[in-house]
Amino acid sequence: MSVDDQIDLIRARGVVVDDHAGAADLLREVGYYRLTGYLYPFRRSGVRSLPDGRREVVVDDRYREGTSLAEAHELLSFDRALRVLVLEAVERIEVAVRTRLAYAMGRLSPFAHEEPSTFTSAFTGPREAHGGGSEHQVWLDRLAERQARSDESFVRHFRERYDGRMPIWVVTELLEFGQVSRLYGGLRNDLATEVANAFDVPTKQLMRSWLAAVNYVRNVAAHQARLFNRKLVVAPKRPTARQVPALAHLTSGSAPKQFGVYDVLAVMAHLLDSVPSNVDWQERTAALLRAFPETTVVDVRSTGTDPGWLTEPLWHPRHREREG
């Protein structure tokens, strides 16, 4: 379909398009399929009964009366800004976690990542899923693949001078976040707890869950996928109020049972409080959530956010408070 035909189709399905030229520019930039993903919450729906007595929601291809293309554009712009904030936070968290891992493991040995004694028996033991090999060996094999593909000058240096064998404080510079998360998950408890405590996280179990969830939203954001109303496939474990007081609201009576993106934003806000270079990410993220383009169909709750939570101390510039 031509762009003009796409606009006609959107109008025929009940969407108000006030600016034809602007709509054409938007469709040329983001495409019909992506744009209608942000219109999806505005579709009409109903409930029908099934022969077995159950009922299911049926979504129509027409939109609710009064739905405008401008509303979808606003949601798309909000989502873009949210992804930018997520990727900024992930960069700081990832580098800080790499550094802490390298420090904790490097005290044992420059090559602690190769030594089974650094890890849990579950990580180093044989696994049927890996053809009798271990998760540790799979991790090492993937590291070797990254080294072989890398054209980084520091990798070439170790390849030429040291047969490619790199110490842990160099290895961490080569890892993707998913590999960092898996390495952390395999660490023996004393090392994992040391790293977790550096970010004011009390247990390995919590930290492992949080890193996996941060890596999940990182992948969503990096691939420019819709994020704001996503129900998390990999969700962070919610701590008790005693474990992490700053996140007590996540287990309050108003907390939704389903995990929305707010859960990961809150976890990242807490982790960033231990990253010195962070100054105002919490403030800027809370400001974006407060500016959510609310409509009669969707509001900030679609992100998993209770509006009252944005007044929590978590979203205040605590680093400046400490310096003061």
C-alpha atoms as a PDB file:
ATOM      1  CA  MET A   1       0.000   0.000   0.000  1.00  0.00           C
ATOM      2  CA  SER A   2       1.149   3.532  -0.715  1.00  0.00           C
ATOM      3  CA  VAL A   3       1.563   5.889   2.237  1.00  0.00           C
ATOM      4  CA  ASP A   4      -1.593   7.727   1.191  1.00  0.00           C
ATOM      5  CA  ASP A   5      -3.484   4.414   1.124  1.00  0.00           C
ATOM      6  CA  GLN A   6      -2.155   3.577   4.574  1.00  0.00           C
ATOM      7  CA  ILE A   7      -3.501   6.891   5.892  1.00  0.00           C
ATOM      8  CA  ASP A   8      -6.874   6.195   4.264  1.00  0.00           C
ATOM      9  CA  LEU A   9      -6.964   2.766   5.930  1.00  0.00           C
ATOM     10  CA  ILE A  10      -6.173   4.225   9.344  1.00  0.00           C
ATOM     11  CA  ARG A  11      -8.935   6.796   8.876  1.00  0.00           C
ATOM     12  CA  ALA A  12     -11.393   4.141   7.670  1.00  0.00           C
ATOM     13  CA  ARG A  13     -10.798   2.219  10.889  1.00  0.00           C
ATOM     14  CA  GLY A  14     -11.771   5.210  12.999  1.00  0.00           C
ATOM     15  CA  VAL A  15      -8.548   7.113  13.698  1.00  0.00           C
ATOM     16  CA  VAL A  16      -8.617  10.899  13.450  1.00  0.00           C
ATOM     17  CA  VAL A  17      -5.764  12.186  11.242  1.00  0.00           C
ATOM     18  CA  ASP A  18      -5.680  15.992  11.426  1.00  0.00           C
ATOM     19  CA  ASP A  19      -2.363  16.476   9.623  1.00  0.00           C
ATOM     20  CA  HIS A  20      -2.094  14.397   6.447  1.00  0.00           C
ATOM     21  CA  ALA A  21       1.450  15.547   5.615  1.00  0.00           C
ATOM     22  CA  GLY A  22       2.637  14.940   9.161  1.00  0.00           C
ATOM     23  CA  ALA A  23       1.063  11.472   9.146  1.00  0.00           C
ATOM     24  CA  ALA A  24       2.812  10.695   5.858  1.00  0.00           C
ATOM     25  CA  ASP A  25       6.180  11.754   7.304  1.00  0.00           C
ATOM     26  CA  LEU A  26       5.577   9.606  10.382  1.00  0.00           C
ATOM     27  CA  LEU A  27       4.679   6.545   8.328  1.00  0.00           C
ATOM     28  CA  ARG A  28       7.743   6.981   6.116  1.00  0.00           C
ATOM     29  CA  GLU A  29       9.907   7.157   9.237  1.00  0.00           C
ATOM     30  CA  VAL A  30       8.512   4.363  11.436  1.00  0.00           C
ATOM     31  CA  GLY A  31       6.260   2.298   9.164  1.00  0.00           C
ATOM     32  CA  TYR A  32       2.609   1.253   9.357  1.00  0.00           C
ATOM     33  CA  TYR A  33       3.165  -1.888  11.446  1.00  0.00           C
ATOM     34  CA  ARG A  34       5.243  -0.149  14.109  1.00  0.00           C
ATOM     35  CA  LEU A  35       2.894   2.825  14.328  1.00  0.00           C
ATOM     36  CA  THR A  36      -0.225   0.684  14.690  1.00  0.00           C
ATOM     37  CA  GLY A  37       1.502  -1.128  17.567  1.00  0.00           C
ATOM     38  CA  TYR A  38       1.158   2.115  19.520  1.00  0.00           C
ATOM     39  CA  LEU A  39      -2.464   2.412  18.385  1.00  0.00           C
ATOM     40  CA  TYR A  40      -3.307  -1.109  19.575  1.00  0.00           C
ATOM     41  CA  PRO A  41      -4.490  -0.072  23.087  1.00  0.00           C
ATOM     42  CA  PHE A  42      -7.114   2.124  21.400  1.00  0.00           C
ATOM     43  CA  ARG A  43      -8.784  -0.735  19.505  1.00  0.00           C
ATOM     44  CA  ARG A  44     -12.382  -1.581  20.336  1.00  0.00           C
ATOM     45  CA  SER A  45     -12.881  -4.829  22.208  1.00  0.00           C
ATOM     46  CA  GLY A  46     -15.657  -7.004  23.537  1.00  0.00           C
ATOM     47  CA  VAL A  47     -16.252 -10.298  25.293  1.00  0.00           C
ATOM     48  CA  ARG A  48     -17.717 -13.413  23.707  1.00  0.00           C
ATOM     49  CA  SER A  49     -18.791 -16.724  25.199  1.00  0.00           C
ATOM     50  CA  LEU A  50     -17.156 -19.957  24.046  1.00  0.00           C
ATOM     51  CA  PRO A  51     -18.988 -23.300  23.624  1.00  0.00           C
ATOM     52  CA  ASP A  52     -17.330 -24.664  26.768  1.00  0.00           C
ATOM     53  CA  GLY A  53     -18.703 -21.793  28.852  1.00  0.00           C
ATOM     54  CA  ARG A  54     -15.502 -19.805  29.041  1.00  0.00           C
ATOM     55  CA  ARG A  55     -15.352 -16.190  27.914  1.00  0.00           C
ATOM     56  CA  GLU A  56     -12.635 -14.453  25.908  1.00  0.00           C
ATOM     57  CA  VAL A  57     -11.805 -10.899  24.934  1.00  0.00           C
ATOM     58  CA  VAL A  58     -12.119 -10.173  21.222  1.00  0.00           C
ATOM     59  CA  VAL A  59     -10.199  -7.196  19.807  1.00  0.00           C
ATOM     60  CA  ASP A  60     -11.691  -5.452  16.776  1.00  0.00           C
ATOM     61  CA  ASP A  61      -9.662  -3.912  13.946  1.00  0.00           C
ATOM     62  CA  ARG A  62     -11.530  -0.653  14.446  1.00  0.00           C
ATOM     63  CA  TYR A  63     -10.601   2.000  16.990  1.00  0.00           C
ATOM     64  CA  ARG A  64     -12.531   3.673  19.768  1.00  0.00           C
ATOM     65  CA  GLU A  65     -14.356   6.844  18.875  1.00  0.00           C
ATOM     66  CA  GLY A  66     -12.131   9.917  19.137  1.00  0.00           C
ATOM     67  CA  THR A  67      -8.829   8.040  18.805  1.00  0.00           C
ATOM     68  CA  SER A  68      -6.268  10.273  17.089  1.00  0.00           C
ATOM     69  CA  LEU A  69      -3.007   9.514  15.346  1.00  0.00           C
ATOM     70  CA  ALA A  70      -1.434  12.229  17.493  1.00  0.00           C
ATOM     71  CA  GLU A  71      -2.026  10.057  20.589  1.00  0.00           C
ATOM     72  CA  ALA A  72      -0.101   7.169  19.061  1.00  0.00           C
ATOM     73  CA  HIS A  73       2.694   9.562  18.063  1.00  0.00           C
ATOM     74  CA  GLU A  74       2.925  10.829  21.646  1.00  0.00           C
ATOM     75  CA  LEU A  75       3.178   7.271  22.994  1.00  0.00           C
ATOM     76  CA  LEU A  76       5.834   6.458  20.419  1.00  0.00           C
ATOM     77  CA  SER A  77       7.850   9.527  21.453  1.00  0.00           C
ATOM     78  CA  PHE A  78       7.484   8.677  25.131  1.00  0.00           C
ATOM     79  CA  ASP A  79       8.683   5.136  24.474  1.00  0.00           C
ATOM     80  CA  ARG A  80      11.700   6.403  22.536  1.00  0.00           C
ATOM     81  CA  ALA A  81      12.695   8.664  25.442  1.00  0.00           C
ATOM     82  CA  LEU A  82      12.205   5.781  27.882  1.00  0.00           C
ATOM     83  CA  ARG A  83      14.489   3.492  25.857  1.00  0.00           C
ATOM     84  CA  VAL A  84      17.196   6.176  25.818  1.00  0.00           C
ATOM     85  CA  LEU A  85      17.062   6.435  29.616  1.00  0.00           C
ATOM     86  CA  VAL A  86      17.172   2.656  29.982  1.00  0.00           C
ATOM     87  CA  LEU A  87      20.231   2.326  27.759  1.00  0.00           C
ATOM     88  CA  GLU A  88      21.993   5.119  29.657  1.00  0.00           C
ATOM     89  CA  ALA A  89      21.378   3.340  32.956  1.00  0.00           C
ATOM     90  CA  VAL A  90      22.422  -0.046  31.571  1.00  0.00           C
ATOM     91  CA  GLU A  91      25.758   1.363  30.376  1.00  0.00           C
ATOM     92  CA  ARG A  92      26.644   2.660  33.840  1.00  0.00           C
ATOM     93  CA  ILE A  93      25.407  -0.459  35.636  1.00  0.00           C
ATOM     94  CA  GLU A  94      27.130  -2.855  33.234  1.00  0.00           C
ATOM     95  CA  VAL A  95      30.529  -1.169  33.509  1.00  0.00           C
ATOM     96  CA  ALA A  96      30.279  -0.897  37.297  1.00  0.00           C
ATOM     97  CA  VAL A  97      29.321  -4.589  37.668  1.00  0.00           C
ATOM     98  CA  ARG A  98      32.136  -5.662  35.345  1.00  0.00           C
ATOM     99  CA  THR A  99      34.590  -3.680  37.469  1.00  0.00           C
ATOM    100  CA  ARG A 100      33.366  -5.205  40.728  1.00  0.00           C
ATOM    101  CA  LEU A 101      33.504  -8.704  39.249  1.00  0.00           C
ATOM    102  CA  ALA A 102      37.050  -8.172  38.021  1.00  0.00           C
ATOM    103  CA  TYR A 103      38.114  -6.821  41.422  1.00  0.00           C
ATOM    104  CA  ALA A 104      36.568  -9.646  43.459  1.00  0.00           C
ATOM    105  CA  MET A 105      37.739 -12.428  41.143  1.00  0.00           C
ATOM    106  CA  GLY A 106      41.127 -10.873  40.396  1.00  0.00           C
ATOM    107  CA  ARG A 107      42.105 -11.032  44.074  1.00  0.00           C
ATOM    108  CA  LEU A 108      41.951 -14.836  43.823  1.00  0.00           C
ATOM    109  CA  SER A 109      43.864 -15.183  40.573  1.00  0.00           C
ATOM    110  CA  PRO A 110      44.354 -13.351  37.274  1.00  0.00           C
ATOM    111  CA  PHE A 111      42.655 -16.345  35.655  1.00  0.00           C
ATOM    112  CA  ALA A 112      39.957 -16.972  38.265  1.00  0.00           C
ATOM    113  CA  HIS A 113      37.347 -17.172  35.492  1.00  0.00           C
ATOM    114  CA  GLU A 114      39.014 -20.375  34.250  1.00  0.00           C
ATOM    115  CA  GLU A 115      39.217 -22.077  37.651  1.00  0.00           C
ATOM    116  CA  PRO A 116      36.342 -24.300  38.896  1.00  0.00           C
ATOM    117  CA  SER A 117      37.019 -23.311  42.517  1.00  0.00           C
ATOM    118  CA  THR A 118      35.718 -19.806  41.726  1.00  0.00           C
ATOM    119  CA  PHE A 119      32.247 -21.122  40.951  1.00  0.00           C
ATOM    120  CA  THR A 120      29.418 -23.223  42.329  1.00  0.00           C
ATOM    121  CA  SER A 121      29.345 -26.937  41.653  1.00  0.00           C
ATOM    122  CA  ALA A 122      26.105 -26.450  39.722  1.00  0.00           C
ATOM    123  CA  PHE A 123      27.947 -24.136  37.327  1.00  0.00           C
ATOM    124  CA  THR A 124      30.979 -26.381  36.860  1.00  0.00           C
ATOM    125  CA  GLY A 125      29.262 -29.788  37.002  1.00  0.00           C
ATOM    126  CA  PRO A 126      28.091 -31.792  33.972  1.00  0.00           C
ATOM    127  CA  ARG A 127      24.704 -30.880  32.525  1.00  0.00           C
ATOM    128  CA  GLU A 128      22.648 -33.074  30.245  1.00  0.00           C
ATOM    129  CA  ALA A 129      21.378 -29.960  28.488  1.00  0.00           C
ATOM    130  CA  HIS A 130      24.932 -29.201  27.419  1.00  0.00           C
ATOM    131  CA  GLY A 131      25.748 -32.700  26.191  1.00  0.00           C
ATOM    132  CA  GLY A 132      27.444 -33.620  29.437  1.00  0.00           C
ATOM    133  CA  GLY A 133      29.476 -30.420  29.570  1.00  0.00           C
ATOM    134  CA  SER A 134      29.106 -27.717  32.181  1.00  0.00           C
ATOM    135  CA  GLU A 135      27.638 -24.214  32.075  1.00  0.00           C
ATOM    136  CA  HIS A 136      31.130 -23.008  32.923  1.00  0.00           C
ATOM    137  CA  GLN A 137      32.572 -24.673  29.833  1.00  0.00           C
ATOM    138  CA  VAL A 138      29.808 -23.257  27.650  1.00  0.00           C
ATOM    139  CA  TRP A 139      30.612 -19.805  29.040  1.00  0.00           C
ATOM    140  CA  LEU A 140      34.338 -20.270  28.341  1.00  0.00           C
ATOM    141  CA  ASP A 141      33.590 -21.474  24.805  1.00  0.00           C
ATOM    142  CA  ARG A 142      31.512 -18.369  24.115  1.00  0.00           C
ATOM    143  CA  LEU A 143      34.276 -16.187  25.526  1.00  0.00           C
ATOM    144  CA  ALA A 144      36.737 -17.875  23.155  1.00  0.00           C
ATOM    145  CA  GLU A 145      34.384 -17.183  20.239  1.00  0.00           C
ATOM    146  CA  ARG A 146      34.198 -13.495  21.151  1.00  0.00           C
ATOM    147  CA  GLN A 147      37.974 -13.321  21.412  1.00  0.00           C
ATOM    148  CA  ALA A 148      38.379 -14.976  18.009  1.00  0.00           C
ATOM    149  CA  ARG A 149      35.934 -12.528  16.353  1.00  0.00           C
ATOM    150  CA  SER A 150      37.178  -9.416  18.101  1.00  0.00           C
ATOM    151  CA  ASP A 151      39.285  -6.827  16.304  1.00  0.00           C
ATOM    152  CA  GLU A 152      39.966  -4.823  19.479  1.00  0.00           C
ATOM    153  CA  SER A 153      43.616  -3.788  19.784  1.00  0.00           C
ATOM    154  CA  PHE A 154      43.883  -5.133  23.335  1.00  0.00           C
ATOM    155  CA  VAL A 155      42.643  -8.546  22.160  1.00  0.00           C
ATOM    156  CA  ARG A 156      45.226  -8.588  19.363  1.00  0.00           C
ATOM    157  CA  HIS A 157      47.901  -7.689  21.902  1.00  0.00           C
ATOM    158  CA  PHE A 158      47.087 -10.691  24.113  1.00  0.00           C
ATOM    159  CA  ARG A 159      46.659 -12.920  21.070  1.00  0.00           C
ATOM    160  CA  GLU A 160      50.149 -12.035  19.803  1.00  0.00           C
ATOM    161  CA  ARG A 161      52.018 -11.821  23.119  1.00  0.00           C
ATOM    162  CA  TYR A 162      50.261 -14.264  25.449  1.00  0.00           C
ATOM    163  CA  ASP A 163      48.625 -16.890  23.200  1.00  0.00           C
ATOM    164  CA  GLY A 164      45.295 -15.157  23.698  1.00  0.00           C
ATOM    165  CA  ARG A 165      45.056 -15.866  27.435  1.00  0.00           C
ATOM    166  CA  MET A 166      43.652 -12.797  29.163  1.00  0.00           C
ATOM    167  CA  PRO A 167      43.309 -12.003  32.900  1.00  0.00           C
ATOM    168  CA  ILE A 168      39.858 -11.439  34.330  1.00  0.00           C
ATOM    169  CA  TRP A 169      40.226  -7.636  34.438  1.00  0.00           C
ATOM    170  CA  VAL A 170      40.754  -7.716  30.658  1.00  0.00           C
ATOM    171  CA  VAL A 171      38.148 -10.416  29.991  1.00  0.00           C
ATOM    172  CA  THR A 172      35.391  -8.290  31.535  1.00  0.00           C
ATOM    173  CA  GLU A 173      36.003  -5.601  28.885  1.00  0.00           C
ATOM    174  CA  LEU A 174      35.096  -8.128  26.209  1.00  0.00           C
ATOM    175  CA  LEU A 175      31.882  -9.500  27.706  1.00  0.00           C
ATOM    176  CA  GLU A 176      28.339  -8.752  26.629  1.00  0.00           C
ATOM    177  CA  PHE A 177      25.912  -8.021  29.448  1.00  0.00           C
ATOM    178  CA  GLY A 178      24.316 -11.463  29.103  1.00  0.00           C
ATOM    179  CA  GLN A 179      27.710 -13.085  29.630  1.00  0.00           C
ATOM    180  CA  VAL A 180      28.334 -10.851  32.639  1.00  0.00           C
ATOM    181  CA  SER A 181      24.998 -11.937  34.111  1.00  0.00           C
ATOM    182  CA  ARG A 182      25.735 -15.640  33.566  1.00  0.00           C
ATOM    183  CA  LEU A 183      29.244 -15.321  35.014  1.00  0.00           C
ATOM    184  CA  TYR A 184      27.818 -13.656  38.108  1.00  0.00           C
ATOM    185  CA  GLY A 185      25.176 -16.358  38.473  1.00  0.00           C
ATOM    186  CA  GLY A 186      27.856 -19.048  38.518  1.00  0.00           C
ATOM    187  CA  LEU A 187      30.033 -17.414  41.191  1.00  0.00           C
ATOM    188  CA  ARG A 188      30.396 -19.072  44.543  1.00  0.00           C
ATOM    189  CA  ASN A 189      28.313 -17.340  47.192  1.00  0.00           C
ATOM    190  CA  ASP A 190      31.020 -15.363  49.033  1.00  0.00           C
ATOM    191  CA  LEU A 191      32.219 -13.655  45.845  1.00  0.00           C
ATOM    192  CA  ALA A 192      28.699 -13.082  44.533  1.00  0.00           C
ATOM    193  CA  THR A 193      27.599 -11.571  47.851  1.00  0.00           C
ATOM    194  CA  GLU A 194      30.615  -9.261  47.871  1.00  0.00           C
ATOM    195  CA  VAL A 195      29.656  -7.927  44.450  1.00  0.00           C
ATOM    196  CA  ALA A 196      25.969  -7.614  45.418  1.00  0.00           C
ATOM    197  CA  ASN A 197      26.797  -5.743  48.630  1.00  0.00           C
ATOM    198  CA  ALA A 198      28.785  -3.192  46.623  1.00  0.00           C
ATOM    199  CA  PHE A 199      25.426  -2.152  45.123  1.00  0.00           C
ATOM    200  CA  ASP A 200      23.540  -2.332  48.431  1.00  0.00           C
ATOM    201  CA  VAL A 201      21.866  -5.586  47.388  1.00  0.00           C
ATOM    202  CA  PRO A 202      21.753  -8.096  50.264  1.00  0.00           C
ATOM    203  CA  THR A 203      21.831 -11.452  48.470  1.00  0.00           C
ATOM    204  CA  LYS A 204      23.174 -13.179  45.398  1.00  0.00           C
ATOM    205  CA  GLN A 205      19.664 -14.406  44.567  1.00  0.00           C
ATOM    206  CA  LEU A 206      18.349 -10.846  44.302  1.00  0.00           C
ATOM    207  CA  MET A 207      21.343  -9.540  42.380  1.00  0.00           C
ATOM    208  CA  ARG A 208      21.256 -12.442  39.936  1.00  0.00           C
ATOM    209  CA  SER A 209      17.568 -11.852  39.251  1.00  0.00           C
ATOM    210  CA  TRP A 210      18.104  -8.121  38.815  1.00  0.00           C
ATOM    211  CA  LEU A 211      20.995  -8.490  36.382  1.00  0.00           C
ATOM    212  CA  ALA A 212      18.961 -10.902  34.257  1.00  0.00           C
ATOM    213  CA  ALA A 213      16.024  -8.460  34.184  1.00  0.00           C
ATOM    214  CA  VAL A 214      18.246  -5.469  33.356  1.00  0.00           C
ATOM    215  CA  ASN A 215      19.797  -7.482  30.526  1.00  0.00           C
ATOM    216  CA  TYR A 216      16.295  -8.327  29.239  1.00  0.00           C
ATOM    217  CA  VAL A 217      15.132  -4.692  29.058  1.00  0.00           C
ATOM    218  CA  ARG A 218      18.519  -3.742  27.614  1.00  0.00           C
ATOM    219  CA  ASN A 219      17.866  -6.112  24.716  1.00  0.00           C
ATOM    220  CA  VAL A 220      14.342  -4.765  24.228  1.00  0.00           C
ATOM    221  CA  ALA A 221      15.591  -1.166  24.206  1.00  0.00           C
ATOM    222  CA  ALA A 222      18.626  -1.900  22.018  1.00  0.00           C
ATOM    223  CA  HIS A 223      16.377  -3.459  19.358  1.00  0.00           C
ATOM    224  CA  GLN A 224      14.017  -0.453  19.445  1.00  0.00           C
ATOM    225  CA  ALA A 225      11.084  -2.637  20.492  1.00  0.00           C
ATOM    226  CA  ARG A 226       8.037  -1.240  22.280  1.00  0.00           C
ATOM    227  CA  LEU A 227       8.879  -1.047  25.984  1.00  0.00           C
ATOM    228  CA  PHE A 228       6.472   1.150  27.938  1.00  0.00           C
ATOM    229  CA  ASN A 229       3.606  -1.358  28.324  1.00  0.00           C
ATOM    230  CA  ARG A 230       5.590  -4.572  28.064  1.00  0.00           C
ATOM    231  CA  LYS A 231       4.828  -7.341  30.551  1.00  0.00           C
ATOM    232  CA  LEU A 232       8.266  -8.593  31.518  1.00  0.00           C
ATOM    233  CA  VAL A 233       9.214 -12.093  30.414  1.00  0.00           C
ATOM    234  CA  VAL A 234      12.296 -11.866  32.650  1.00  0.00           C
ATOM    235  CA  ALA A 235      11.229  -9.971  35.765  1.00  0.00           C
ATOM    236  CA  PRO A 236      13.332  -8.845  38.739  1.00  0.00           C
ATOM    237  CA  LYS A 237      12.616 -10.531  42.048  1.00  0.00           C
ATOM    238  CA  ARG A 238      10.876  -8.086  44.361  1.00  0.00           C
ATOM    239  CA  PRO A 239      12.764  -7.709  47.655  1.00  0.00           C
ATOM    240  CA  THR A 240      11.090  -7.528  51.022  1.00  0.00           C
ATOM    241  CA  ALA A 241      10.880  -4.145  52.715  1.00  0.00           C
ATOM    242  CA  ARG A 242      13.473  -5.316  55.215  1.00  0.00           C
ATOM    243  CA  GLN A 243      15.924  -6.398  52.514  1.00  0.00           C
ATOM    244  CA  VAL A 244      15.796  -3.175  50.484  1.00  0.00           C
ATOM    245  CA  PRO A 245      13.764  -0.433  52.202  1.00  0.00           C
ATOM    246  CA  ALA A 246      14.004   1.864  49.160  1.00  0.00           C
ATOM    247  CA  LEU A 247      11.980  -0.672  47.142  1.00  0.00           C
ATOM    248  CA  ALA A 248       9.396  -1.501  49.806  1.00  0.00           C
ATOM    249  CA  HIS A 249       6.640  -0.018  47.651  1.00  0.00           C
ATOM    250  CA  LEU A 250       7.094  -2.840  45.120  1.00  0.00           C
ATOM    251  CA  THR A 251       5.482  -5.240  47.582  1.00  0.00           C
ATOM    252  CA  SER A 252       2.865  -2.819  48.931  1.00  0.00           C
ATOM    253  CA  GLY A 253      -0.852  -3.363  48.593  1.00  0.00           C
ATOM    254  CA  SER A 254      -1.018  -1.159  45.489  1.00  0.00           C
ATOM    255  CA  ALA A 255       1.668  -3.115  43.627  1.00  0.00           C
ATOM    256  CA  PRO A 256       0.285  -4.922  40.549  1.00  0.00           C
ATOM    257  CA  LYS A 257       0.739  -8.690  40.405  1.00  0.00           C
ATOM    258  CA  GLN A 258       2.052  -8.479  36.865  1.00  0.00           C
ATOM    259  CA  PHE A 259       5.559  -7.135  36.396  1.00  0.00           C
ATOM    260  CA  GLY A 260       5.731  -4.002  34.276  1.00  0.00           C
ATOM    261  CA  VAL A 261       8.721  -1.964  33.174  1.00  0.00           C
ATOM    262  CA  TYR A 262       8.520   0.098  36.390  1.00  0.00           C
ATOM    263  CA  ASP A 263       9.905  -2.857  38.350  1.00  0.00           C
ATOM    264  CA  VAL A 264      13.127  -2.788  36.331  1.00  0.00           C
ATOM    265  CA  LEU A 265      13.313   1.013  36.384  1.00  0.00           C
ATOM    266  CA  ALA A 266      13.104   0.918  40.184  1.00  0.00           C
ATOM    267  CA  VAL A 267      15.796  -1.766  40.403  1.00  0.00           C
ATOM    268  CA  MET A 268      18.065   0.259  38.106  1.00  0.00           C
ATOM    269  CA  ALA A 269      17.442   3.401  40.171  1.00  0.00           C
ATOM    270  CA  HIS A 270      18.590   1.516  43.275  1.00  0.00           C
ATOM    271  CA  LEU A 271      21.683   0.056  41.579  1.00  0.00           C
ATOM    272  CA  LEU A 272      22.655   3.456  40.161  1.00  0.00           C
ATOM    273  CA  ASP A 273      22.684   4.933  43.645  1.00  0.00           C
ATOM    274  CA  SER A 274      25.978   3.050  44.128  1.00  0.00           C
ATOM    275  CA  VAL A 275      27.482   4.294  40.851  1.00  0.00           C
ATOM    276  CA  PRO A 276      29.346   7.573  41.542  1.00  0.00           C
ATOM    277  CA  SER A 277      29.049   8.944  37.989  1.00  0.00           C
ATOM    278  CA  ASN A 278      25.264   8.929  38.196  1.00  0.00           C
ATOM    279  CA  VAL A 279      23.867  12.305  39.167  1.00  0.00           C
ATOM    280  CA  ASP A 280      20.237  12.730  38.171  1.00  0.00           C
ATOM    281  CA  TRP A 281      19.032   9.666  36.251  1.00  0.00           C
ATOM    282  CA  GLN A 282      16.385   9.018  38.895  1.00  0.00           C
ATOM    283  CA  GLU A 283      15.060  12.567  38.644  1.00  0.00           C
ATOM    284  CA  ARG A 284      14.913  12.518  34.852  1.00  0.00           C
ATOM    285  CA  THR A 285      13.215   9.110  34.758  1.00  0.00           C
ATOM    286  CA  ALA A 286      10.590  10.130  37.297  1.00  0.00           C
ATOM    287  CA  ALA A 287       9.985  13.359  35.345  1.00  0.00           C
ATOM    288  CA  LEU A 288       9.416  11.356  32.151  1.00  0.00           C
ATOM    289  CA  LEU A 289       6.966   9.026  33.901  1.00  0.00           C
ATOM    290  CA  ARG A 290       5.080  12.021  35.320  1.00  0.00           C
ATOM    291  CA  ALA A 291       4.835  13.414  31.777  1.00  0.00           C
ATOM    292  CA  PHE A 292       3.275  10.224  30.412  1.00  0.00           C
ATOM    293  CA  PRO A 293       0.869  11.178  27.594  1.00  0.00           C
ATOM    294  CA  GLU A 294      -2.286  10.116  29.390  1.00  0.00           C
ATOM    295  CA  THR A 295      -5.438   9.397  27.429  1.00  0.00           C
ATOM    296  CA  THR A 296      -8.848   7.989  28.275  1.00  0.00           C
ATOM    297  CA  VAL A 297      -7.465   4.543  27.377  1.00  0.00           C
ATOM    298  CA  VAL A 298      -3.914   4.410  28.742  1.00  0.00           C
ATOM    299  CA  ASP A 299      -2.051   6.263  31.466  1.00  0.00           C
ATOM    300  CA  VAL A 300       1.194   5.838  33.386  1.00  0.00           C
ATOM    301  CA  ARG A 301      -0.192   2.697  35.060  1.00  0.00           C
ATOM    302  CA  SER A 302       0.401   0.888  31.774  1.00  0.00           C
ATOM    303  CA  THR A 303       4.107   0.995  32.668  1.00  0.00           C
ATOM    304  CA  GLY A 304       3.353  -0.741  35.968  1.00  0.00           C
ATOM    305  CA  THR A 305       3.684   2.563  37.834  1.00  0.00           C
ATOM    306  CA  ASP A 306       1.422   3.700  40.624  1.00  0.00           C
ATOM    307  CA  PRO A 307       1.560   7.522  40.266  1.00  0.00           C
ATOM    308  CA  GLY A 308       2.084   7.865  44.013  1.00  0.00           C
ATOM    309  CA  TRP A 309       5.337   5.908  43.787  1.00  0.00           C
ATOM    310  CA  LEU A 310       7.032   8.760  41.943  1.00  0.00           C
ATOM    311  CA  THR A 311       7.248  10.677  45.231  1.00  0.00           C
ATOM    312  CA  GLU A 312       9.288   7.856  46.816  1.00  0.00           C
ATOM    313  CA  PRO A 313      12.812   8.801  48.026  1.00  0.00           C
ATOM    314  CA  LEU A 314      14.126   6.397  45.372  1.00  0.00           C
ATOM    315  CA  TRP A 315      13.480   9.055  42.726  1.00  0.00           C
ATOM    316  CA  HIS A 316      15.228  11.919  44.519  1.00  0.00           C
ATOM    317  CA  PRO A 317      18.841  13.014  43.888  1.00  0.00           C
ATOM    318  CA  ARG A 318      20.379  11.264  46.871  1.00  0.00           C
ATOM    319  CA  HIS A 319      23.981  11.668  45.718  1.00  0.00           C
ATOM    320  CA  ARG A 320      23.685  15.441  46.034  1.00  0.00           C
ATOM    321  CA  GLU A 321      22.076  15.007  49.437  1.00  0.00           C
ATOM    322  CA  ARG A 322      25.082  12.998  50.602  1.00  0.00           C
ATOM    323  CA  GLU A 323      27.507  15.624  49.243  1.00  0.00           C
ATOM    324  CA  GLY A 324      25.530  18.331  51.009  1.00  0.00           C
END
